[in-house]
N, C-alpha and C. Protein backbone atom coordinates (compact mmCIF):
# COMPACT_ATOMS: atom_id res chain seq x y z
N MET A 1 -38.27 -186.60 44.44
CA MET A 1 -39.03 -185.51 43.76
C MET A 1 -40.08 -184.91 44.82
N ARG A 2 -40.00 -183.54 44.70
CA ARG A 2 -41.29 -183.06 45.61
C ARG A 2 -42.58 -183.05 45.00
N LEU A 3 -43.63 -182.92 45.98
CA LEU A 3 -44.82 -183.02 45.44
C LEU A 3 -45.12 -181.62 44.60
N SER A 4 -44.56 -180.69 44.91
CA SER A 4 -45.03 -179.36 44.34
C SER A 4 -44.13 -179.61 43.02
N SER A 5 -43.38 -180.32 42.57
CA SER A 5 -42.75 -180.62 41.33
C SER A 5 -43.73 -181.30 40.38
N ALA A 6 -44.48 -182.22 40.99
CA ALA A 6 -45.49 -182.87 40.18
C ALA A 6 -46.61 -181.92 39.64
N PHE A 7 -46.99 -180.81 40.60
CA PHE A 7 -47.97 -179.85 40.23
C PHE A 7 -47.39 -179.03 39.09
N ASP A 8 -46.04 -178.55 39.34
CA ASP A 8 -45.41 -177.89 38.15
C ASP A 8 -45.28 -178.61 36.92
N ILE A 9 -45.04 -179.80 36.89
CA ILE A 9 -44.98 -180.65 35.51
C ILE A 9 -46.36 -180.62 34.95
N SER A 10 -47.34 -180.83 35.63
CA SER A 10 -48.90 -181.13 35.17
C SER A 10 -49.21 -179.77 34.82
N ALA A 11 -48.91 -178.47 35.54
CA ALA A 11 -49.32 -177.40 35.10
C ALA A 11 -48.61 -176.73 33.67
N SER A 12 -47.36 -177.19 33.56
CA SER A 12 -46.82 -176.89 32.39
C SER A 12 -47.49 -177.60 31.11
N ALA A 13 -47.77 -179.06 31.34
CA ALA A 13 -48.36 -179.77 30.25
C ALA A 13 -49.60 -179.04 29.95
N LEU A 14 -50.48 -178.74 31.03
CA LEU A 14 -51.93 -178.38 30.75
C LEU A 14 -51.68 -176.98 29.78
N THR A 15 -50.76 -176.13 30.22
CA THR A 15 -50.57 -174.85 29.56
C THR A 15 -50.19 -175.18 28.00
N ALA A 16 -49.08 -176.20 27.76
CA ALA A 16 -48.78 -176.33 26.47
C ALA A 16 -49.80 -177.01 25.69
N GLN A 17 -50.59 -177.96 26.37
CA GLN A 17 -51.78 -178.46 25.54
C GLN A 17 -52.84 -177.59 25.24
N ARG A 18 -52.95 -176.66 26.03
CA ARG A 18 -54.12 -175.45 25.81
C ARG A 18 -53.60 -174.71 24.73
N LEU A 19 -52.41 -174.25 24.65
CA LEU A 19 -51.95 -173.54 23.52
C LEU A 19 -51.91 -174.44 22.19
N ARG A 20 -51.60 -175.60 22.30
CA ARG A 20 -51.86 -176.48 21.12
C ARG A 20 -53.32 -176.54 20.53
N MET A 21 -54.24 -176.59 21.42
CA MET A 21 -55.70 -176.56 20.98
C MET A 21 -55.99 -175.32 20.51
N ASP A 22 -55.60 -174.10 20.96
CA ASP A 22 -55.70 -172.92 20.41
C ASP A 22 -55.30 -172.77 18.95
N VAL A 23 -54.02 -173.30 18.73
CA VAL A 23 -53.31 -173.24 17.50
C VAL A 23 -54.23 -174.03 16.40
N ILE A 24 -54.81 -175.31 16.80
CA ILE A 24 -55.50 -176.01 16.12
C ILE A 24 -56.79 -175.44 15.77
N SER A 25 -57.34 -174.71 16.67
CA SER A 25 -58.63 -174.05 16.47
C SER A 25 -58.39 -172.99 15.49
N SER A 26 -57.25 -172.40 15.47
CA SER A 26 -57.18 -171.18 14.60
C SER A 26 -56.88 -171.86 13.04
N ASN A 27 -56.25 -173.10 13.04
CA ASN A 27 -56.02 -173.71 11.74
C ASN A 27 -57.57 -174.09 11.14
N ILE A 28 -58.31 -174.61 12.06
CA ILE A 28 -59.70 -175.19 11.57
C ILE A 28 -60.40 -173.70 11.00
N ALA A 29 -60.39 -172.62 11.85
CA ALA A 29 -61.08 -171.51 11.53
C ALA A 29 -60.53 -170.90 10.30
N ASN A 30 -59.28 -171.07 9.96
CA ASN A 30 -58.81 -170.35 8.56
C ASN A 30 -58.62 -171.33 7.46
N ALA A 31 -59.35 -172.55 7.60
CA ALA A 31 -59.04 -173.57 6.50
C ALA A 31 -59.46 -173.06 5.20
N ASN A 32 -60.34 -172.00 5.08
CA ASN A 32 -60.84 -171.50 3.79
C ASN A 32 -60.31 -170.04 3.56
N THR A 33 -59.35 -169.60 4.11
CA THR A 33 -58.84 -168.21 4.08
C THR A 33 -57.72 -168.17 2.92
N THR A 34 -58.03 -167.52 1.83
CA THR A 34 -57.26 -167.39 0.68
C THR A 34 -56.26 -166.17 0.80
N ARG A 35 -56.66 -165.21 1.80
CA ARG A 35 -55.93 -163.82 1.67
C ARG A 35 -55.51 -163.67 3.29
N ALA A 36 -54.53 -164.43 3.69
CA ALA A 36 -54.07 -164.30 4.95
C ALA A 36 -53.13 -163.19 5.25
N LYS A 37 -52.26 -163.17 4.38
CA LYS A 37 -51.11 -162.15 4.54
C LYS A 37 -50.62 -161.86 3.04
N GLN A 38 -49.96 -160.62 2.99
CA GLN A 38 -49.30 -160.03 1.80
C GLN A 38 -47.89 -160.48 1.86
N VAL A 39 -47.38 -161.05 0.66
CA VAL A 39 -46.03 -161.38 0.50
C VAL A 39 -45.54 -160.79 -0.82
N ASP A 40 -44.71 -159.66 -0.77
CA ASP A 40 -44.36 -159.12 -2.05
C ASP A 40 -45.53 -158.43 -2.90
N GLY A 41 -46.43 -157.97 -2.18
CA GLY A 41 -47.44 -157.36 -2.77
C GLY A 41 -48.63 -158.18 -3.45
N GLU A 42 -48.60 -159.61 -3.00
CA GLU A 42 -49.45 -160.57 -3.52
C GLU A 42 -50.12 -161.25 -2.31
N TRP A 43 -51.36 -161.51 -2.19
CA TRP A 43 -52.08 -162.07 -1.06
C TRP A 43 -51.72 -163.76 -1.29
N VAL A 44 -51.41 -164.15 0.03
CA VAL A 44 -51.17 -165.72 0.02
C VAL A 44 -52.24 -166.44 1.06
N PRO A 45 -52.39 -167.62 0.67
CA PRO A 45 -53.30 -168.28 1.67
C PRO A 45 -52.80 -168.47 3.13
N TYR A 46 -53.71 -168.76 3.93
CA TYR A 46 -53.27 -169.09 5.42
C TYR A 46 -52.41 -170.38 5.35
N GLN A 47 -51.39 -170.23 6.15
CA GLN A 47 -50.43 -171.54 6.16
C GLN A 47 -50.59 -172.15 7.61
N ARG A 48 -50.82 -173.43 7.53
CA ARG A 48 -51.18 -174.31 8.73
C ARG A 48 -50.01 -174.08 9.73
N LYS A 49 -50.45 -173.96 11.09
CA LYS A 49 -49.27 -173.74 12.09
C LYS A 49 -49.40 -174.93 13.03
N MET A 50 -48.18 -175.19 13.40
CA MET A 50 -47.90 -176.30 14.43
C MET A 50 -47.24 -175.95 15.59
N VAL A 51 -47.32 -176.55 16.64
CA VAL A 51 -46.73 -176.12 17.95
C VAL A 51 -45.55 -177.16 18.20
N VAL A 52 -44.48 -176.62 18.64
CA VAL A 52 -43.28 -177.53 18.80
C VAL A 52 -42.83 -177.46 20.32
N PHE A 53 -42.99 -178.65 21.00
CA PHE A 53 -42.67 -178.90 22.46
C PHE A 53 -41.41 -179.38 22.68
N GLU A 54 -40.80 -179.03 23.83
CA GLU A 54 -39.44 -179.50 24.33
C GLU A 54 -39.56 -179.75 25.81
N PRO A 55 -38.65 -180.68 26.20
CA PRO A 55 -38.85 -180.74 27.63
C PRO A 55 -38.17 -179.42 28.32
N HIS A 56 -38.79 -179.05 29.38
CA HIS A 56 -38.37 -177.91 30.04
C HIS A 56 -37.23 -178.38 31.06
N LYS A 57 -35.98 -178.01 30.65
CA LYS A 57 -34.84 -178.35 31.46
C LYS A 57 -34.37 -177.38 32.42
N THR A 58 -33.85 -177.63 33.56
CA THR A 58 -33.50 -176.76 34.43
C THR A 58 -31.99 -176.45 34.22
N SER A 59 -31.34 -175.63 35.00
CA SER A 59 -29.80 -175.39 34.58
C SER A 59 -29.13 -176.57 34.76
N SER A 60 -27.89 -176.45 34.11
CA SER A 60 -27.01 -177.73 33.90
C SER A 60 -26.56 -178.28 35.49
N PHE A 61 -26.27 -177.35 36.35
CA PHE A 61 -25.80 -177.71 37.73
C PHE A 61 -26.92 -178.52 38.49
N GLU A 62 -28.15 -177.97 38.20
CA GLU A 62 -29.27 -178.58 38.78
C GLU A 62 -29.52 -180.05 38.15
N ASN A 63 -29.47 -180.08 36.96
CA ASN A 63 -29.44 -181.35 36.28
C ASN A 63 -28.39 -182.45 36.77
N VAL A 64 -27.17 -182.14 36.89
CA VAL A 64 -26.16 -182.92 37.28
C VAL A 64 -26.36 -183.20 38.71
N LEU A 65 -26.87 -182.34 39.59
CA LEU A 65 -27.07 -182.66 41.01
C LEU A 65 -28.44 -183.64 41.12
N GLY A 66 -29.31 -183.37 40.42
CA GLY A 66 -30.43 -183.99 40.42
C GLY A 66 -30.03 -185.49 39.94
N ASN A 67 -29.38 -185.68 38.86
CA ASN A 67 -29.14 -187.05 38.36
C ASN A 67 -28.14 -187.71 39.40
N ALA A 68 -27.33 -187.12 40.14
CA ALA A 68 -26.50 -187.70 41.22
C ALA A 68 -27.27 -188.19 42.43
N LEU A 69 -28.22 -187.35 42.57
CA LEU A 69 -29.26 -187.95 43.84
C LEU A 69 -30.40 -188.87 43.19
N ASP A 70 -30.22 -189.31 42.06
CA ASP A 70 -31.41 -190.04 41.48
C ASP A 70 -32.61 -189.41 41.59
N GLN A 71 -32.78 -188.21 41.33
CA GLN A 71 -34.02 -187.51 41.39
C GLN A 71 -34.46 -187.29 39.86
N GLN A 72 -35.66 -187.03 39.54
CA GLN A 72 -35.96 -186.75 38.23
C GLN A 72 -35.53 -185.39 37.84
N SER A 73 -34.90 -185.35 36.78
CA SER A 73 -34.24 -184.02 36.31
C SER A 73 -35.27 -183.19 35.42
N GLY A 74 -36.26 -183.80 34.83
CA GLY A 74 -37.40 -183.06 34.05
C GLY A 74 -38.27 -182.25 34.97
N ARG A 75 -38.47 -181.30 34.27
CA ARG A 75 -39.45 -180.21 35.07
C ARG A 75 -40.50 -179.96 34.06
N GLY A 76 -41.19 -180.84 33.33
CA GLY A 76 -42.44 -180.56 32.49
C GLY A 76 -41.95 -180.33 31.03
N VAL A 77 -42.81 -179.63 30.52
CA VAL A 77 -42.88 -179.16 29.02
C VAL A 77 -42.89 -177.82 28.78
N LYS A 78 -42.39 -177.32 27.53
CA LYS A 78 -42.45 -176.00 27.13
C LYS A 78 -42.64 -175.92 25.75
N VAL A 79 -43.36 -174.78 25.33
CA VAL A 79 -43.36 -174.70 23.97
C VAL A 79 -42.40 -173.67 23.53
N THR A 80 -41.51 -174.23 22.44
CA THR A 80 -40.50 -173.56 21.96
C THR A 80 -40.74 -172.54 20.80
N LYS A 81 -41.63 -172.89 19.85
CA LYS A 81 -42.11 -172.00 18.87
C LYS A 81 -43.33 -172.68 18.32
N ILE A 82 -44.10 -171.82 17.54
CA ILE A 82 -45.10 -172.14 16.59
C ILE A 82 -44.59 -171.90 15.23
N MET A 83 -44.41 -172.96 14.48
CA MET A 83 -44.10 -173.10 13.17
C MET A 83 -45.01 -173.24 12.13
N GLU A 84 -44.71 -172.80 10.93
CA GLU A 84 -45.65 -172.81 9.90
C GLU A 84 -45.40 -174.11 8.95
N ASP A 85 -46.44 -174.84 8.60
CA ASP A 85 -46.14 -176.02 7.94
C ASP A 85 -45.84 -175.59 6.39
N GLU A 86 -44.81 -176.26 6.02
CA GLU A 86 -44.37 -175.91 4.53
C GLU A 86 -44.91 -176.74 3.47
N ALA A 87 -45.86 -177.56 3.91
CA ALA A 87 -46.57 -178.23 2.80
C ALA A 87 -47.27 -177.34 1.80
N PRO A 88 -47.25 -177.86 0.44
CA PRO A 88 -47.74 -176.88 -0.52
C PRO A 88 -49.19 -176.57 -0.37
N PHE A 89 -49.66 -175.53 -0.90
CA PHE A 89 -50.98 -175.10 -0.73
C PHE A 89 -51.85 -175.88 -1.72
N LYS A 90 -53.14 -176.12 -1.55
CA LYS A 90 -54.00 -177.00 -2.35
C LYS A 90 -54.63 -176.12 -3.45
N ARG A 91 -54.24 -176.71 -4.62
CA ARG A 91 -54.84 -175.94 -5.97
C ARG A 91 -56.24 -176.53 -6.33
N VAL A 92 -57.18 -175.69 -6.30
CA VAL A 92 -58.51 -175.86 -6.44
C VAL A 92 -59.13 -175.06 -7.80
N TYR A 93 -59.90 -175.86 -8.72
CA TYR A 93 -60.35 -175.27 -9.77
C TYR A 93 -61.85 -174.62 -9.36
N ASN A 94 -61.70 -173.16 -9.41
CA ASN A 94 -62.95 -172.44 -9.08
C ASN A 94 -62.75 -171.00 -9.83
N PRO A 95 -63.20 -171.10 -11.13
CA PRO A 95 -63.05 -169.84 -11.93
C PRO A 95 -63.90 -168.50 -11.29
N SER A 96 -64.90 -168.94 -10.64
CA SER A 96 -65.79 -167.73 -10.11
C SER A 96 -65.28 -167.13 -8.81
N HIS A 97 -64.24 -167.77 -8.14
CA HIS A 97 -63.57 -167.27 -6.94
C HIS A 97 -62.75 -165.92 -7.21
N PRO A 98 -62.88 -164.89 -6.30
CA PRO A 98 -62.19 -163.64 -6.73
C PRO A 98 -60.62 -163.62 -6.70
N ASP A 99 -60.00 -164.81 -6.05
CA ASP A 99 -58.64 -165.00 -6.15
C ASP A 99 -58.11 -165.88 -7.09
N SER A 100 -59.01 -166.45 -8.03
CA SER A 100 -58.59 -167.46 -8.99
C SER A 100 -57.60 -166.82 -9.97
N ASP A 101 -56.64 -167.59 -10.55
CA ASP A 101 -55.74 -167.28 -11.40
C ASP A 101 -56.40 -167.25 -12.85
N ALA A 102 -55.57 -166.87 -13.88
CA ALA A 102 -55.95 -166.86 -15.23
C ALA A 102 -56.64 -168.16 -15.83
N GLN A 103 -56.11 -169.22 -15.28
CA GLN A 103 -56.69 -170.62 -15.63
C GLN A 103 -57.80 -171.06 -14.70
N GLY A 104 -58.31 -170.12 -13.80
CA GLY A 104 -59.42 -170.44 -12.93
C GLY A 104 -58.96 -171.38 -11.62
N PHE A 105 -57.74 -171.54 -11.28
CA PHE A 105 -57.39 -172.09 -10.16
C PHE A 105 -57.20 -171.23 -8.93
N VAL A 106 -57.47 -171.65 -7.80
CA VAL A 106 -57.39 -170.94 -6.57
C VAL A 106 -56.48 -171.87 -5.65
N TYR A 107 -55.59 -171.08 -5.15
CA TYR A 107 -54.70 -171.64 -3.95
C TYR A 107 -55.37 -171.51 -2.73
N MET A 108 -55.64 -172.66 -2.07
CA MET A 108 -56.28 -172.69 -0.84
C MET A 108 -55.22 -173.05 0.32
N PRO A 109 -55.73 -172.77 1.56
CA PRO A 109 -54.62 -173.30 2.70
C PRO A 109 -54.30 -174.69 2.78
N ASN A 110 -53.18 -174.94 3.16
CA ASN A 110 -52.80 -176.32 3.46
C ASN A 110 -53.30 -177.11 4.67
N VAL A 111 -54.47 -176.69 5.14
CA VAL A 111 -55.07 -177.20 6.36
C VAL A 111 -55.85 -178.38 5.69
N ASP A 112 -55.78 -179.53 6.64
CA ASP A 112 -56.50 -180.67 6.39
C ASP A 112 -57.41 -180.88 7.67
N ILE A 113 -58.79 -180.73 7.29
CA ILE A 113 -59.60 -180.72 8.60
C ILE A 113 -59.51 -182.02 9.22
N ALA A 114 -59.54 -183.12 8.57
CA ALA A 114 -59.30 -184.46 9.21
C ALA A 114 -58.21 -184.47 10.33
N LYS A 115 -57.14 -184.13 9.64
CA LYS A 115 -55.76 -184.01 10.36
C LYS A 115 -55.92 -183.16 11.53
N GLU A 116 -56.58 -182.10 11.48
CA GLU A 116 -56.74 -181.20 12.50
C GLU A 116 -57.65 -181.64 13.68
N MET A 117 -58.84 -182.56 13.30
CA MET A 117 -59.48 -183.05 14.20
C MET A 117 -58.86 -184.17 15.09
N VAL A 118 -58.08 -184.86 14.34
CA VAL A 118 -57.21 -186.01 14.99
C VAL A 118 -56.15 -185.39 15.93
N ASP A 119 -55.65 -184.10 15.46
CA ASP A 119 -54.72 -183.47 16.42
C ASP A 119 -55.44 -182.91 17.59
N MET A 120 -56.58 -182.37 17.51
CA MET A 120 -57.47 -181.86 18.59
C MET A 120 -57.94 -183.05 19.49
N ILE A 121 -58.20 -184.02 19.00
CA ILE A 121 -58.46 -185.08 19.91
C ILE A 121 -57.28 -185.67 20.72
N SER A 122 -56.14 -185.61 20.15
CA SER A 122 -54.99 -186.04 20.82
C SER A 122 -54.60 -184.96 21.86
N ALA A 123 -54.87 -183.70 21.48
CA ALA A 123 -54.66 -182.58 22.55
C ALA A 123 -55.28 -182.77 23.76
N THR A 124 -56.79 -183.07 23.34
CA THR A 124 -57.82 -183.10 24.58
C THR A 124 -57.58 -184.30 25.37
N ARG A 125 -57.03 -185.35 24.74
CA ARG A 125 -56.66 -186.43 25.56
C ARG A 125 -55.65 -186.43 26.42
N SER A 126 -54.49 -185.58 25.94
CA SER A 126 -53.26 -185.27 26.71
C SER A 126 -53.59 -184.45 27.75
N TYR A 127 -54.55 -183.38 27.58
CA TYR A 127 -55.09 -182.48 28.64
C TYR A 127 -55.81 -183.19 29.79
N GLU A 128 -56.74 -183.92 29.34
CA GLU A 128 -57.41 -184.92 30.39
C GLU A 128 -56.56 -185.68 31.26
N ALA A 129 -55.43 -186.47 30.50
CA ALA A 129 -54.66 -187.13 31.25
C ALA A 129 -53.76 -186.46 32.38
N ASN A 130 -53.36 -185.12 32.00
CA ASN A 130 -52.62 -184.26 32.81
C ASN A 130 -53.62 -183.83 33.98
N VAL A 131 -54.86 -183.49 33.71
CA VAL A 131 -55.85 -183.19 34.73
C VAL A 131 -55.90 -184.43 35.78
N THR A 132 -55.95 -185.58 35.21
CA THR A 132 -55.97 -186.86 36.08
C THR A 132 -54.73 -186.81 36.95
N ALA A 133 -53.47 -186.70 36.34
CA ALA A 133 -52.43 -186.62 37.13
C ALA A 133 -52.31 -185.64 38.28
N LEU A 134 -52.86 -184.41 37.90
CA LEU A 134 -53.00 -183.47 38.84
C LEU A 134 -53.77 -183.66 40.12
N ASN A 135 -54.90 -184.31 39.69
CA ASN A 135 -55.99 -184.73 40.62
C ASN A 135 -55.44 -185.98 41.58
N ALA A 136 -54.65 -186.76 40.87
CA ALA A 136 -54.02 -187.57 41.69
C ALA A 136 -52.98 -187.29 42.77
N THR A 137 -52.25 -186.26 42.26
CA THR A 137 -51.13 -185.55 43.14
C THR A 137 -51.88 -184.86 44.25
N LYS A 138 -53.01 -184.25 43.89
CA LYS A 138 -53.76 -183.60 44.98
C LYS A 138 -54.25 -184.52 46.11
N GLY A 139 -54.85 -185.59 45.54
CA GLY A 139 -55.44 -186.63 46.41
C GLY A 139 -54.26 -187.18 47.44
N MET A 140 -53.06 -187.33 46.79
CA MET A 140 -51.95 -187.66 47.71
C MET A 140 -51.57 -186.83 48.69
N VAL A 141 -51.56 -185.57 48.34
CA VAL A 141 -51.44 -184.28 49.41
C VAL A 141 -52.43 -184.42 50.46
N MET A 142 -53.51 -184.55 50.01
CA MET A 142 -54.55 -184.59 51.16
C MET A 142 -54.57 -185.69 52.06
N LYS A 143 -54.15 -186.99 51.39
CA LYS A 143 -54.04 -188.14 52.32
C LYS A 143 -52.88 -187.95 53.26
N ALA A 144 -51.79 -187.21 52.80
CA ALA A 144 -50.73 -187.06 53.67
C ALA A 144 -51.01 -186.05 54.73
N LEU A 145 -51.95 -185.25 54.42
CA LEU A 145 -52.48 -184.26 55.33
C LEU A 145 -53.26 -184.79 56.50
N GLU A 146 -54.02 -185.83 56.11
CA GLU A 146 -54.91 -186.56 57.00
C GLU A 146 -54.00 -187.29 58.00
N ILE A 147 -52.86 -187.78 57.62
CA ILE A 147 -51.97 -188.58 58.46
C ILE A 147 -51.37 -187.86 59.66
N GLY A 148 -51.35 -186.63 59.32
CA GLY A 148 -50.95 -185.68 60.44
C GLY A 148 -51.85 -185.43 61.61
N ASP A 149 -53.15 -185.72 61.25
CA ASP A 149 -54.38 -185.31 62.09
C ASP A 149 -54.30 -186.42 63.24
């Protein structure tokens, strides 16, 4: 495996985790948004979003050749899509809310702040781990350059 591959793998992970943190921040910011979009003329609450990761695969020939040479065939991670959580909306009794129905219930977003904070901590730790890996690779490159002196 080339050292530049290690930089590419860490960079892809940093980019993916940054996007994950952005999506989590959006979820937290919209935790009380009852009018996110219109569906069939009716306003619906914000729906929690989640990031889906997949390994970034290279072309099939390169995979076969890399496996034949006992090299690492993975090239990092990529975000394939941002999907909406299909969990039901929370039904809260609040008859004074402008979006309440005839019984006084309001449908609130399916965002759980505690779950979002756990996801944010996980994304932050993953980001930090990839920064550490990137710095370790950079240190190896610097030591390799010192050998040449």
